[in-house]
Amino acid sequence: MKKIEDTIQSLTSDLKPVRPALSPQRLAALWLLVCTVFVVAITQYIAPIRVGAWQQLVSTPRFALETVTAILAVICFALIVFRSSFPGMHYRRLVGCGLVMLALWVTQYLVGLWRPAISPLPLGERHWCWLEIIVYSLPLMVLALLMTRHLYPMTPLLTACSYCLAGGILPAVYMQLACMYEASHILIFHILPGLSMTLLGFLFARCYTKSFA
């Protein structure tokens, strides 16, 4: 018995107290706050948003709904990222909710090809909007990778794809205010680049797998 106690004492004598990890909800909120400030700031720095965009957001319910569904999708996927990085956390319902919000967001612009929420105008067109979305999303994904690398993602592929989706959608959402409003333009040059960032999730998932091998 004395030998066991001595062994335990020798193993724990040099241990230092560590801070407990933030909860998944707080981590997600922190990531969302930092990323939103970054996206808004860098987008505004490159060029001002479309004239009258905020008024359209308030006065046009369908445009507001399009924006809200995208934001809800981002929140769902951000929560999935961090809840899936803590063993024992439930997140399957969030996956379904996120996919539904994502589908609703895309569907509204498909409907907008025939009945747009706002009359299409070239006002505010940004010629490199698709490239802006890709470039702005990369730091968001890297931040999520850094925030989860010391946690324990149980499903690396889902975690990586989720923060790639969230990181790609967020600048695409704000680009709806910053760039011209035209359904086909939004689908091709805003939504498609944002969603295509998910492909990087497979690459990041490999990094996860190697890290925890």
N, C-alpha and C. Protein backbone atom coordinates (compact mmCIF):
# COMPACT_ATOMS: atom_id res chain seq x y z
N MET A 1 0.83 -1.21 0.00
CA MET A 1 0.00 0.00 0.00
C MET A 1 0.87 1.26 0.00
N LYS A 2 1.91 1.24 0.84
CA LYS A 2 2.84 2.36 0.91
C LYS A 2 3.52 2.58 -0.43
N LYS A 3 3.82 1.49 -1.13
CA LYS A 3 4.47 1.60 -2.42
C LYS A 3 3.56 2.29 -3.44
N ILE A 4 2.26 1.95 -3.41
CA ILE A 4 1.30 2.56 -4.33
C ILE A 4 1.18 4.06 -4.04
N GLU A 5 1.11 4.41 -2.75
CA GLU A 5 1.00 5.82 -2.39
C GLU A 5 2.23 6.60 -2.82
N ASP A 6 3.41 5.98 -2.66
CA ASP A 6 4.64 6.64 -3.08
C ASP A 6 4.66 6.84 -4.60
N THR A 7 4.15 5.84 -5.32
CA THR A 7 4.11 5.94 -6.79
C THR A 7 3.20 7.08 -7.22
N ILE A 8 2.02 7.15 -6.60
CA ILE A 8 1.07 8.21 -6.92
C ILE A 8 1.67 9.57 -6.59
N GLN A 9 2.33 9.64 -5.44
CA GLN A 9 2.95 10.90 -5.03
C GLN A 9 4.04 11.34 -6.01
N SER A 10 4.84 10.40 -6.47
CA SER A 10 5.91 10.73 -7.41
C SER A 10 5.38 11.18 -8.76
N LEU A 11 4.22 10.64 -9.14
CA LEU A 11 3.63 11.00 -10.43
C LEU A 11 2.92 12.35 -10.39
N THR A 12 2.45 12.74 -9.22
CA THR A 12 1.64 13.96 -9.11
C THR A 12 2.36 15.12 -8.45
N SER A 13 3.54 14.91 -7.96
CA SER A 13 4.22 15.96 -7.20
C SER A 13 4.57 17.17 -8.05
N ASP A 14 4.88 16.97 -9.32
CA ASP A 14 5.30 18.07 -10.19
C ASP A 14 4.17 18.63 -11.05
N LEU A 15 2.96 18.13 -10.84
CA LEU A 15 1.84 18.61 -11.65
C LEU A 15 1.44 20.02 -11.24
N LYS A 16 1.13 20.83 -12.24
CA LYS A 16 0.69 22.19 -11.98
C LYS A 16 -0.78 22.32 -12.36
N PRO A 17 -1.52 23.13 -11.63
CA PRO A 17 -2.93 23.31 -11.97
C PRO A 17 -3.09 23.96 -13.34
N VAL A 18 -4.10 23.54 -14.07
CA VAL A 18 -4.37 24.11 -15.39
C VAL A 18 -5.79 24.65 -15.41
N ARG A 19 -5.99 25.62 -16.27
CA ARG A 19 -7.33 26.18 -16.42
C ARG A 19 -8.24 25.20 -17.14
N PRO A 20 -9.47 25.05 -16.66
CA PRO A 20 -10.40 24.19 -17.41
C PRO A 20 -10.74 24.83 -18.75
N ALA A 21 -10.99 23.99 -19.74
CA ALA A 21 -11.34 24.50 -21.07
C ALA A 21 -12.68 25.22 -21.03
N LEU A 22 -12.83 26.25 -21.85
CA LEU A 22 -14.13 26.91 -21.97
C LEU A 22 -15.16 25.92 -22.49
N SER A 23 -16.42 26.18 -22.20
CA SER A 23 -17.48 25.31 -22.70
C SER A 23 -17.59 25.44 -24.21
N PRO A 24 -18.14 24.43 -24.89
CA PRO A 24 -18.30 24.52 -26.35
C PRO A 24 -19.09 25.75 -26.79
N GLN A 25 -20.11 26.10 -26.01
CA GLN A 25 -20.93 27.26 -26.36
C GLN A 25 -20.11 28.55 -26.30
N ARG A 26 -19.26 28.68 -25.28
CA ARG A 26 -18.44 29.88 -25.15
C ARG A 26 -17.36 29.93 -26.23
N LEU A 27 -16.80 28.78 -26.54
CA LEU A 27 -15.81 28.74 -27.61
C LEU A 27 -16.43 29.13 -28.94
N ALA A 28 -17.63 28.60 -29.20
CA ALA A 28 -18.33 28.94 -30.45
C ALA A 28 -18.66 30.43 -30.50
N ALA A 29 -19.12 30.98 -29.36
CA ALA A 29 -19.46 32.41 -29.31
C ALA A 29 -18.21 33.26 -29.53
N LEU A 30 -17.09 32.85 -28.94
CA LEU A 30 -15.83 33.58 -29.11
C LEU A 30 -15.38 33.55 -30.56
N TRP A 31 -15.45 32.37 -31.18
CA TRP A 31 -15.06 32.23 -32.59
C TRP A 31 -15.96 33.10 -33.47
N LEU A 32 -17.26 33.04 -33.23
CA LEU A 32 -18.20 33.82 -34.03
C LEU A 32 -17.96 35.32 -33.89
N LEU A 33 -17.69 35.77 -32.67
CA LEU A 33 -17.46 37.19 -32.43
C LEU A 33 -16.21 37.67 -33.17
N VAL A 34 -15.11 36.95 -32.99
CA VAL A 34 -13.84 37.34 -33.63
C VAL A 34 -13.98 37.32 -35.15
N CYS A 35 -14.59 36.27 -35.67
CA CYS A 35 -14.71 36.11 -37.12
C CYS A 35 -15.65 37.15 -37.73
N THR A 36 -16.75 37.45 -37.05
CA THR A 36 -17.68 38.44 -37.57
C THR A 36 -17.03 39.82 -37.63
N VAL A 37 -16.33 40.19 -36.57
CA VAL A 37 -15.63 41.49 -36.56
C VAL A 37 -14.60 41.55 -37.68
N PHE A 38 -13.87 40.45 -37.86
CA PHE A 38 -12.85 40.40 -38.91
C PHE A 38 -13.47 40.56 -40.30
N VAL A 39 -14.52 39.79 -40.58
CA VAL A 39 -15.16 39.81 -41.90
C VAL A 39 -15.73 41.19 -42.20
N VAL A 40 -16.45 41.77 -41.23
CA VAL A 40 -17.05 43.09 -41.44
C VAL A 40 -15.95 44.14 -41.66
N ALA A 41 -14.91 44.09 -40.83
CA ALA A 41 -13.85 45.09 -40.91
C ALA A 41 -13.09 45.00 -42.23
N ILE A 42 -12.69 43.80 -42.64
CA ILE A 42 -11.89 43.66 -43.86
C ILE A 42 -12.73 43.95 -45.10
N THR A 43 -14.00 43.56 -45.07
CA THR A 43 -14.88 43.84 -46.22
C THR A 43 -15.08 45.34 -46.38
N GLN A 44 -15.33 46.02 -45.26
CA GLN A 44 -15.52 47.47 -45.29
C GLN A 44 -14.24 48.18 -45.70
N TYR A 45 -13.10 47.63 -45.28
CA TYR A 45 -11.82 48.27 -45.60
C TYR A 45 -11.55 48.22 -47.11
N ILE A 46 -11.88 47.09 -47.73
CA ILE A 46 -11.64 46.94 -49.16
C ILE A 46 -12.55 47.87 -49.96
N ALA A 47 -13.82 47.92 -49.58
CA ALA A 47 -14.79 48.80 -50.27
C ALA A 47 -16.04 48.88 -49.42
N PRO A 48 -16.77 50.02 -49.47
CA PRO A 48 -18.00 50.13 -48.69
C PRO A 48 -19.08 49.18 -49.20
N ILE A 49 -20.03 48.86 -48.34
CA ILE A 49 -21.11 47.97 -48.75
C ILE A 49 -22.06 48.70 -49.69
N ARG A 50 -22.96 47.94 -50.29
CA ARG A 50 -23.91 48.49 -51.25
C ARG A 50 -24.76 49.59 -50.63
N VAL A 51 -24.93 50.66 -51.34
CA VAL A 51 -25.75 51.78 -50.86
C VAL A 51 -27.18 51.30 -50.64
N GLY A 52 -27.73 51.56 -49.46
CA GLY A 52 -29.11 51.19 -49.15
C GLY A 52 -29.28 49.76 -48.69
N ALA A 53 -28.18 49.03 -48.49
CA ALA A 53 -28.29 47.61 -48.12
C ALA A 53 -28.96 47.42 -46.76
N TRP A 54 -28.60 48.24 -45.79
CA TRP A 54 -29.20 48.10 -44.46
C TRP A 54 -30.69 48.42 -44.49
N GLN A 55 -31.06 49.42 -45.27
CA GLN A 55 -32.48 49.75 -45.39
C GLN A 55 -33.25 48.61 -46.04
N GLN A 56 -32.64 47.98 -47.05
CA GLN A 56 -33.29 46.84 -47.70
C GLN A 56 -33.45 45.68 -46.73
N LEU A 57 -32.46 45.50 -45.87
CA LEU A 57 -32.52 44.41 -44.90
C LEU A 57 -33.68 44.60 -43.93
N VAL A 58 -33.93 45.83 -43.56
CA VAL A 58 -35.01 46.13 -42.61
C VAL A 58 -36.37 46.15 -43.30
N SER A 59 -36.42 46.66 -44.52
CA SER A 59 -37.71 46.88 -45.19
C SER A 59 -38.17 45.72 -46.06
N THR A 60 -37.30 44.76 -46.33
CA THR A 60 -37.66 43.64 -47.21
C THR A 60 -37.61 42.33 -46.43
N PRO A 61 -38.77 41.80 -46.02
CA PRO A 61 -38.80 40.59 -45.18
C PRO A 61 -38.08 39.40 -45.81
N ARG A 62 -38.22 39.21 -47.10
CA ARG A 62 -37.57 38.06 -47.74
C ARG A 62 -36.05 38.18 -47.71
N PHE A 63 -35.55 39.37 -47.93
CA PHE A 63 -34.11 39.59 -47.86
C PHE A 63 -33.61 39.35 -46.43
N ALA A 64 -34.39 39.81 -45.46
CA ALA A 64 -34.04 39.58 -44.05
C ALA A 64 -34.04 38.08 -43.75
N LEU A 65 -35.04 37.36 -44.28
CA LEU A 65 -35.11 35.92 -44.05
C LEU A 65 -33.93 35.19 -44.67
N GLU A 66 -33.54 35.61 -45.86
CA GLU A 66 -32.37 35.02 -46.51
C GLU A 66 -31.13 35.17 -45.63
N THR A 67 -30.98 36.35 -45.07
CA THR A 67 -29.80 36.63 -44.24
C THR A 67 -29.87 35.87 -42.92
N VAL A 68 -31.05 35.84 -42.31
CA VAL A 68 -31.20 35.17 -41.01
C VAL A 68 -30.95 33.66 -41.13
N THR A 69 -31.46 33.03 -42.18
CA THR A 69 -31.25 31.58 -42.33
C THR A 69 -29.77 31.26 -42.50
N ALA A 70 -29.05 32.11 -43.22
CA ALA A 70 -27.61 31.89 -43.38
C ALA A 70 -26.88 32.05 -42.05
N ILE A 71 -27.26 33.07 -41.29
CA ILE A 71 -26.63 33.29 -39.98
C ILE A 71 -26.91 32.12 -39.05
N LEU A 72 -28.14 31.62 -39.05
CA LEU A 72 -28.48 30.46 -38.22
C LEU A 72 -27.66 29.23 -38.63
N ALA A 73 -27.43 29.07 -39.93
CA ALA A 73 -26.60 27.96 -40.40
C ALA A 73 -25.18 28.09 -39.86
N VAL A 74 -24.64 29.30 -39.90
CA VAL A 74 -23.28 29.54 -39.38
C VAL A 74 -23.22 29.20 -37.89
N ILE A 75 -24.23 29.64 -37.13
CA ILE A 75 -24.25 29.37 -35.69
C ILE A 75 -24.31 27.88 -35.42
N CYS A 76 -25.16 27.16 -36.16
CA CYS A 76 -25.27 25.71 -35.99
C CYS A 76 -23.95 25.01 -36.25
N PHE A 77 -23.31 25.35 -37.35
CA PHE A 77 -22.04 24.68 -37.70
C PHE A 77 -20.92 25.07 -36.73
N ALA A 78 -20.95 26.31 -36.23
CA ALA A 78 -19.95 26.71 -35.23
C ALA A 78 -20.13 25.90 -33.95
N LEU A 79 -21.36 25.69 -33.54
CA LEU A 79 -21.63 24.87 -32.35
C LEU A 79 -21.21 23.42 -32.57
N ILE A 80 -21.45 22.92 -33.78
CA ILE A 80 -21.06 21.55 -34.10
C ILE A 80 -19.55 21.39 -33.97
N VAL A 81 -18.81 22.39 -34.46
CA VAL A 81 -17.34 22.33 -34.40
C VAL A 81 -16.86 22.06 -32.99
N PHE A 82 -17.36 22.81 -32.03
CA PHE A 82 -16.84 22.73 -30.67
C PHE A 82 -17.52 21.65 -29.84
N ARG A 83 -18.80 21.39 -30.10
CA ARG A 83 -19.45 20.30 -29.36
C ARG A 83 -18.89 18.94 -29.80
N SER A 84 -18.53 18.82 -31.07
CA SER A 84 -17.96 17.56 -31.53
C SER A 84 -16.50 17.39 -31.09
N SER A 85 -15.93 18.44 -30.51
CA SER A 85 -14.55 18.38 -30.03
C SER A 85 -14.47 18.02 -28.54
N PHE A 86 -15.63 17.83 -27.91
CA PHE A 86 -15.69 17.41 -26.51
C PHE A 86 -16.36 16.04 -26.45
N PRO A 87 -15.67 15.01 -25.98
CA PRO A 87 -16.29 13.67 -25.88
C PRO A 87 -17.55 13.72 -25.02
N GLY A 88 -18.58 13.04 -25.50
CA GLY A 88 -19.82 12.95 -24.74
C GLY A 88 -20.85 14.01 -25.06
N MET A 89 -20.48 15.02 -25.85
CA MET A 89 -21.42 16.08 -26.21
C MET A 89 -22.32 15.63 -27.35
N HIS A 90 -23.59 16.02 -27.27
CA HIS A 90 -24.54 15.67 -28.32
C HIS A 90 -24.60 16.80 -29.35
N TYR A 91 -24.60 16.43 -30.63
CA TYR A 91 -24.62 17.45 -31.68
C TYR A 91 -25.36 17.00 -32.93
N ARG A 92 -25.95 15.81 -32.90
CA ARG A 92 -26.60 15.29 -34.11
C ARG A 92 -27.78 16.17 -34.54
N ARG A 93 -28.56 16.66 -33.61
CA ARG A 93 -29.67 17.54 -33.96
C ARG A 93 -29.17 18.84 -34.60
N LEU A 94 -28.04 19.31 -34.11
CA LEU A 94 -27.46 20.53 -34.69
C LEU A 94 -27.06 20.31 -36.14
N VAL A 95 -26.58 19.09 -36.45
CA VAL A 95 -26.21 18.77 -37.83
C VAL A 95 -27.45 18.89 -38.73
N GLY A 96 -28.55 18.30 -38.29
CA GLY A 96 -29.78 18.37 -39.06
C GLY A 96 -30.28 19.81 -39.20
N CYS A 97 -30.23 20.57 -38.09
CA CYS A 97 -30.68 21.96 -38.12
C CYS A 97 -29.81 22.79 -39.05
N GLY A 98 -28.50 22.59 -38.98
CA GLY A 98 -27.59 23.34 -39.84
C GLY A 98 -27.82 23.05 -41.31
N LEU A 99 -28.02 21.78 -41.64
CA LEU A 99 -28.25 21.41 -43.04
C LEU A 99 -29.58 21.97 -43.55
N VAL A 100 -30.59 21.98 -42.68
CA VAL A 100 -31.89 22.54 -43.07
C VAL A 100 -31.77 24.04 -43.34
N MET A 101 -31.09 24.75 -42.44
CA MET A 101 -30.89 26.20 -42.63
C MET A 101 -30.08 26.48 -43.89
N LEU A 102 -29.08 25.65 -44.13
CA LEU A 102 -28.26 25.81 -45.33
C LEU A 102 -29.09 25.59 -46.59
N ALA A 103 -29.92 24.55 -46.57
CA ALA A 103 -30.77 24.25 -47.72
C ALA A 103 -31.79 25.38 -47.95
N LEU A 104 -32.35 25.91 -46.88
CA LEU A 104 -33.30 27.01 -47.01
C LEU A 104 -32.63 28.25 -47.60
N TRP A 105 -31.42 28.51 -47.16
CA TRP A 105 -30.67 29.67 -47.66
C TRP A 105 -30.46 29.57 -49.17
N VAL A 106 -29.99 28.42 -49.61
CA VAL A 106 -29.73 28.23 -51.04
C VAL A 106 -31.04 28.24 -51.83
N THR A 107 -32.06 27.58 -51.29
CA THR A 107 -33.35 27.47 -51.99
C THR A 107 -33.97 28.84 -52.24
N GLN A 108 -33.82 29.74 -51.29
CA GLN A 108 -34.41 31.07 -51.45
C GLN A 108 -33.83 31.80 -52.66
N TYR A 109 -32.56 31.58 -52.95
CA TYR A 109 -31.96 32.24 -54.12
C TYR A 109 -32.29 31.49 -55.40
N LEU A 110 -32.53 30.19 -55.30
CA LEU A 110 -33.01 29.46 -56.48
C LEU A 110 -34.40 29.96 -56.87
N VAL A 111 -35.24 30.17 -55.85
CA VAL A 111 -36.56 30.76 -56.11
C VAL A 111 -36.40 32.19 -56.64
N GLY A 112 -35.37 32.87 -56.13
CA GLY A 112 -35.13 34.25 -56.55
C GLY A 112 -34.74 34.40 -58.01
N LEU A 113 -34.36 33.29 -58.65
CA LEU A 113 -34.09 33.36 -60.09
C LEU A 113 -35.35 33.76 -60.86
N TRP A 114 -36.51 33.38 -60.32
CA TRP A 114 -37.78 33.73 -60.95
C TRP A 114 -38.46 34.90 -60.23
N ARG A 115 -38.39 34.89 -58.89
CA ARG A 115 -39.05 35.95 -58.12
C ARG A 115 -38.08 36.47 -57.06
N PRO A 116 -37.21 37.38 -57.44
CA PRO A 116 -36.21 37.89 -56.49
C PRO A 116 -36.85 38.72 -55.38
N ALA A 117 -36.20 38.70 -54.21
CA ALA A 117 -36.69 39.50 -53.08
C ALA A 117 -36.50 40.98 -53.34
N ILE A 118 -35.44 41.34 -54.06
CA ILE A 118 -35.13 42.73 -54.39
C ILE A 118 -34.91 42.82 -55.90
N SER A 119 -35.37 43.87 -56.49
CA SER A 119 -35.16 44.04 -57.93
C SER A 119 -33.67 44.03 -58.25
N PRO A 120 -33.23 43.15 -59.16
CA PRO A 120 -31.80 43.05 -59.48
C PRO A 120 -31.26 44.36 -60.04
N LEU A 121 -30.14 44.79 -59.47
CA LEU A 121 -29.45 46.00 -59.92
C LEU A 121 -27.94 45.76 -59.85
N PRO A 122 -27.17 46.35 -60.77
CA PRO A 122 -25.71 46.19 -60.71
C PRO A 122 -25.07 47.07 -59.63
N LEU A 123 -25.91 47.80 -58.87
CA LEU A 123 -25.39 48.71 -57.86
C LEU A 123 -24.54 47.98 -56.82
N GLY A 124 -23.32 48.45 -56.61
CA GLY A 124 -22.45 47.88 -55.59
C GLY A 124 -21.65 46.67 -56.03
N GLU A 125 -21.67 46.34 -57.32
CA GLU A 125 -20.97 45.14 -57.78
C GLU A 125 -19.47 45.22 -57.44
N ARG A 126 -18.97 44.13 -56.85
CA ARG A 126 -17.55 43.99 -56.54
C ARG A 126 -17.00 42.93 -57.48
N HIS A 127 -16.07 43.31 -58.35
CA HIS A 127 -15.63 42.43 -59.42
C HIS A 127 -14.88 41.21 -58.92
N TRP A 128 -14.33 41.27 -57.70
CA TRP A 128 -13.58 40.14 -57.15
C TRP A 128 -14.25 39.59 -55.89
N CYS A 129 -15.58 39.66 -55.85
CA CYS A 129 -16.30 39.24 -54.65
C CYS A 129 -16.05 37.77 -54.31
N TRP A 130 -16.01 36.91 -55.33
CA TRP A 130 -15.79 35.48 -55.08
C TRP A 130 -14.42 35.24 -54.46
N LEU A 131 -13.42 35.98 -54.93
CA LEU A 131 -12.07 35.83 -54.39
C LEU A 131 -12.00 36.38 -52.97
N GLU A 132 -12.71 37.48 -52.72
CA GLU A 132 -12.76 38.03 -51.37
C GLU A 132 -13.31 36.99 -50.39
N ILE A 133 -14.37 36.32 -50.78
CA ILE A 133 -14.99 35.32 -49.91
C ILE A 133 -14.00 34.20 -49.58
N ILE A 134 -13.30 33.72 -50.58
CA ILE A 134 -12.32 32.64 -50.37
C ILE A 134 -11.19 33.10 -49.45
N VAL A 135 -10.65 34.29 -49.73
CA VAL A 135 -9.52 34.80 -48.95
C VAL A 135 -9.94 35.09 -47.51
N TYR A 136 -11.12 35.70 -47.33
CA TYR A 136 -11.57 36.05 -45.98
C TYR A 136 -11.89 34.80 -45.16
N SER A 137 -12.33 33.74 -45.81
CA SER A 137 -12.72 32.53 -45.07
C SER A 137 -11.52 31.75 -44.53
N LEU A 138 -10.37 31.88 -45.17
CA LEU A 138 -9.20 31.10 -44.76
C LEU A 138 -8.76 31.40 -43.32
N PRO A 139 -8.62 32.67 -42.90
CA PRO A 139 -8.26 32.92 -41.50
C PRO A 139 -9.29 32.38 -40.52
N LEU A 140 -10.57 32.39 -40.90
CA LEU A 140 -11.61 31.88 -40.00
C LEU A 140 -11.43 30.39 -39.76
N MET A 141 -11.08 29.66 -40.82
CA MET A 141 -10.86 28.22 -40.69
C MET A 141 -9.59 27.91 -39.90
N VAL A 142 -8.55 28.70 -40.14
CA VAL A 142 -7.30 28.50 -39.40
C VAL A 142 -7.52 28.76 -37.91
N LEU A 143 -8.30 29.79 -37.59
CA LEU A 143 -8.60 30.08 -36.18
C LEU A 143 -9.35 28.91 -35.54
N ALA A 144 -10.34 28.37 -36.24
CA ALA A 144 -11.08 27.22 -35.70
C ALA A 144 -10.16 26.02 -35.52
N LEU A 145 -9.26 25.81 -36.47
CA LEU A 145 -8.30 24.71 -36.36
C LEU A 145 -7.42 24.89 -35.12
N LEU A 146 -6.93 26.10 -34.89
CA LEU A 146 -6.08 26.36 -33.74
C LEU A 146 -6.85 26.19 -32.43
N MET A 147 -8.13 26.57 -32.44
CA MET A 147 -8.94 26.49 -31.22
C MET A 147 -9.34 25.06 -30.88
N THR A 148 -9.35 24.17 -31.86
CA THR A 148 -9.77 22.78 -31.61
C THR A 148 -8.61 21.80 -31.56
N ARG A 149 -7.42 22.23 -31.93
CA ARG A 149 -6.31 21.27 -32.02
C ARG A 149 -5.89 20.72 -30.66
N HIS A 150 -6.18 21.45 -29.57
CA HIS A 150 -5.86 20.96 -28.23
C HIS A 150 -7.06 20.31 -27.55
N LEU A 151 -8.16 20.21 -28.27
CA LEU A 151 -9.33 19.50 -27.77
C LEU A 151 -9.28 18.07 -28.31
N TYR A 152 -10.42 17.39 -28.33
CA TYR A 152 -10.40 16.00 -28.79
C TYR A 152 -11.57 15.75 -29.74
N PRO A 153 -11.47 16.17 -30.99
CA PRO A 153 -12.55 15.92 -31.95
C PRO A 153 -12.77 14.42 -32.15
N MET A 154 -13.97 13.96 -31.84
CA MET A 154 -14.28 12.54 -31.98
C MET A 154 -14.57 12.17 -33.44
N THR A 155 -15.02 13.15 -34.20
CA THR A 155 -15.32 12.93 -35.62
C THR A 155 -14.58 14.01 -36.42
N PRO A 156 -13.30 13.80 -36.69
CA PRO A 156 -12.48 14.85 -37.33
C PRO A 156 -13.05 15.36 -38.64
N LEU A 157 -13.62 14.47 -39.45
CA LEU A 157 -14.15 14.90 -40.75
C LEU A 157 -15.33 15.85 -40.56
N LEU A 158 -16.24 15.51 -39.66
CA LEU A 158 -17.40 16.38 -39.40
C LEU A 158 -16.94 17.71 -38.81
N THR A 159 -16.01 17.67 -37.88
CA THR A 159 -15.51 18.90 -37.26
C THR A 159 -14.88 19.82 -38.30
N ALA A 160 -14.00 19.26 -39.11
CA ALA A 160 -13.30 20.06 -40.12
C ALA A 160 -14.26 20.61 -41.16
N CYS A 161 -15.17 19.78 -41.65
CA CYS A 161 -16.13 20.24 -42.66
C CYS A 161 -17.06 21.31 -42.08
N SER A 162 -17.38 21.19 -40.79
CA SER A 162 -18.28 22.16 -40.16
C SER A 162 -17.63 23.52 -40.06
N TYR A 163 -16.35 23.58 -39.64
CA TYR A 163 -15.77 24.92 -39.55
C TYR A 163 -15.38 25.47 -40.90
N CYS A 164 -15.20 24.60 -41.89
CA CYS A 164 -15.00 25.11 -43.25
C CYS A 164 -16.30 25.68 -43.81
N LEU A 165 -17.41 25.01 -43.51
CA LEU A 165 -18.71 25.52 -43.94
C LEU A 165 -19.02 26.85 -43.26
N ALA A 166 -18.86 26.88 -41.93
CA ALA A 166 -19.13 28.12 -41.19
C ALA A 166 -18.22 29.24 -41.66
N GLY A 167 -16.93 28.91 -41.86
CA GLY A 167 -15.98 29.92 -42.32
C GLY A 167 -16.23 30.39 -43.73
N GLY A 168 -16.81 29.54 -44.57
CA GLY A 168 -17.12 29.93 -45.94
C GLY A 168 -18.42 30.70 -46.05
N ILE A 169 -19.40 30.33 -45.22
CA ILE A 169 -20.71 30.98 -45.30
C ILE A 169 -20.67 32.39 -44.75
N LEU A 170 -19.92 32.59 -43.65
CA LEU A 170 -19.93 33.89 -42.98
C LEU A 170 -19.57 35.06 -43.91
N PRO A 171 -18.43 35.01 -44.63
CA PRO A 171 -18.15 36.13 -45.56
C PRO A 171 -19.13 36.18 -46.72
N ALA A 172 -19.69 35.03 -47.11
CA ALA A 172 -20.68 35.02 -48.19
C ALA A 172 -21.95 35.74 -47.77
N VAL A 173 -22.33 35.60 -46.50
CA VAL A 173 -23.52 36.29 -45.99
C VAL A 173 -23.33 37.80 -46.03
N TYR A 174 -22.19 38.25 -45.53
CA TYR A 174 -21.96 39.70 -45.51
C TYR A 174 -21.79 40.25 -46.92
N MET A 175 -21.31 39.41 -47.83
CA MET A 175 -21.16 39.85 -49.22
C MET A 175 -22.52 40.14 -49.85
N GLN A 176 -23.60 39.57 -49.30
CA GLN A 176 -24.94 39.86 -49.80
C GLN A 176 -25.30 41.33 -49.56
N LEU A 177 -24.69 41.91 -48.53
CA LEU A 177 -24.90 43.34 -48.27
C LEU A 177 -23.88 44.20 -49.00
N ALA A 178 -22.68 43.64 -49.17
CA ALA A 178 -21.58 44.44 -49.73
C ALA A 178 -21.61 44.49 -51.25
N CYS A 179 -22.10 43.45 -51.88
CA CYS A 179 -22.05 43.34 -53.34
C CYS A 179 -23.45 43.51 -53.94
N MET A 180 -23.53 43.46 -55.24
CA MET A 180 -24.81 43.62 -55.93
C MET A 180 -25.78 42.49 -55.55
N TYR A 181 -27.08 42.80 -55.61
CA TYR A 181 -28.10 41.79 -55.34
C TYR A 181 -28.70 41.31 -56.65
N GLU A 182 -28.35 40.09 -57.00
CA GLU A 182 -28.90 39.44 -58.20
C GLU A 182 -28.74 37.94 -57.98
N ALA A 183 -29.85 37.20 -58.03
CA ALA A 183 -29.88 35.81 -57.57
C ALA A 183 -28.81 34.93 -58.23
N SER A 184 -28.68 35.00 -59.54
CA SER A 184 -27.70 34.14 -60.21
C SER A 184 -26.28 34.53 -59.82
N HIS A 185 -26.04 35.84 -59.67
CA HIS A 185 -24.72 36.30 -59.24
C HIS A 185 -24.41 35.79 -57.84
N ILE A 186 -25.38 35.87 -56.94
CA ILE A 186 -25.19 35.43 -55.56
C ILE A 186 -24.92 33.93 -55.52
N LEU A 187 -25.68 33.15 -56.28
CA LEU A 187 -25.50 31.70 -56.29
C LEU A 187 -24.11 31.30 -56.79
N ILE A 188 -23.67 31.95 -57.87
CA ILE A 188 -22.40 31.55 -58.50
C ILE A 188 -21.19 32.16 -57.81
N PHE A 189 -21.27 33.44 -57.46
CA PHE A 189 -20.09 34.14 -56.98
C PHE A 189 -20.05 34.37 -55.47
N HIS A 190 -21.15 34.07 -54.76
CA HIS A 190 -21.14 34.21 -53.30
C HIS A 190 -21.30 32.85 -52.62
N ILE A 191 -22.41 32.19 -52.93
CA ILE A 191 -22.72 30.94 -52.24
C ILE A 191 -21.78 29.81 -52.66
N LEU A 192 -21.57 29.65 -53.96
CA LEU A 192 -20.72 28.55 -54.43
C LEU A 192 -19.29 28.64 -53.88
N PRO A 193 -18.62 29.79 -53.92
CA PRO A 193 -17.28 29.86 -53.32
C PRO A 193 -17.29 29.56 -51.82
N GLY A 194 -18.35 30.05 -51.12
CA GLY A 194 -18.44 29.79 -49.69
C GLY A 194 -18.58 28.31 -49.38
N LEU A 195 -19.47 27.63 -50.11
CA LEU A 195 -19.68 26.21 -49.87
C LEU A 195 -18.50 25.36 -50.33
N SER A 196 -17.82 25.83 -51.37
CA SER A 196 -16.69 25.05 -51.90
C SER A 196 -15.54 24.95 -50.91
N MET A 197 -15.51 25.84 -49.92
CA MET A 197 -14.45 25.78 -48.92
C MET A 197 -14.53 24.51 -48.08
N THR A 198 -15.70 23.85 -48.12
CA THR A 198 -15.85 22.59 -47.39
C THR A 198 -14.85 21.55 -47.87
N LEU A 199 -14.43 21.65 -49.13
CA LEU A 199 -13.45 20.70 -49.65
C LEU A 199 -12.16 20.73 -48.84
N LEU A 200 -11.85 21.89 -48.28
CA LEU A 200 -10.66 21.98 -47.44
C LEU A 200 -10.83 21.19 -46.15
N GLY A 201 -12.10 20.93 -45.80
CA GLY A 201 -12.35 20.15 -44.60
C GLY A 201 -11.73 18.78 -44.66
N PHE A 202 -11.72 18.18 -45.84
CA PHE A 202 -11.12 16.86 -45.99
C PHE A 202 -9.62 16.92 -45.74
N LEU A 203 -9.00 18.01 -46.20
CA LEU A 203 -7.57 18.17 -45.97
C LEU A 203 -7.28 18.40 -44.49
N PHE A 204 -8.07 19.27 -43.85
CA PHE A 204 -7.88 19.51 -42.43
C PHE A 204 -8.18 18.26 -41.61
N ALA A 205 -9.14 17.47 -42.07
CA ALA A 205 -9.47 16.24 -41.34
C ALA A 205 -8.27 15.29 -41.31
N ARG A 206 -7.50 15.27 -42.36
CA ARG A 206 -6.29 14.45 -42.37
C ARG A 206 -5.30 14.94 -41.34
N CYS A 207 -5.21 16.27 -41.21
CA CYS A 207 -4.33 16.83 -40.18
C CYS A 207 -4.79 16.40 -38.79
N TYR A 208 -6.11 16.42 -38.57
CA TYR A 208 -6.65 15.97 -37.30
C TYR A 208 -6.27 14.51 -37.05
N THR A 209 -6.50 13.69 -38.06
CA THR A 209 -6.26 12.26 -37.92
C THR A 209 -4.81 11.98 -37.57
N LYS A 210 -3.89 12.68 -38.22
CA LYS A 210 -2.46 12.49 -37.93
C LYS A 210 -2.12 12.99 -36.55
N SER A 211 -2.79 14.08 -36.12
CA SER A 211 -2.48 14.64 -34.80
C SER A 211 -2.88 13.71 -33.67
N PHE A 212 -3.97 12.97 -33.90
CA PHE A 212 -4.49 12.12 -32.82
C PHE A 212 -4.16 10.65 -33.03
N ALA A 213 -3.32 10.35 -34.04
CA ALA A 213 -2.95 8.98 -34.30
C ALA A 213 -1.98 8.47 -33.21
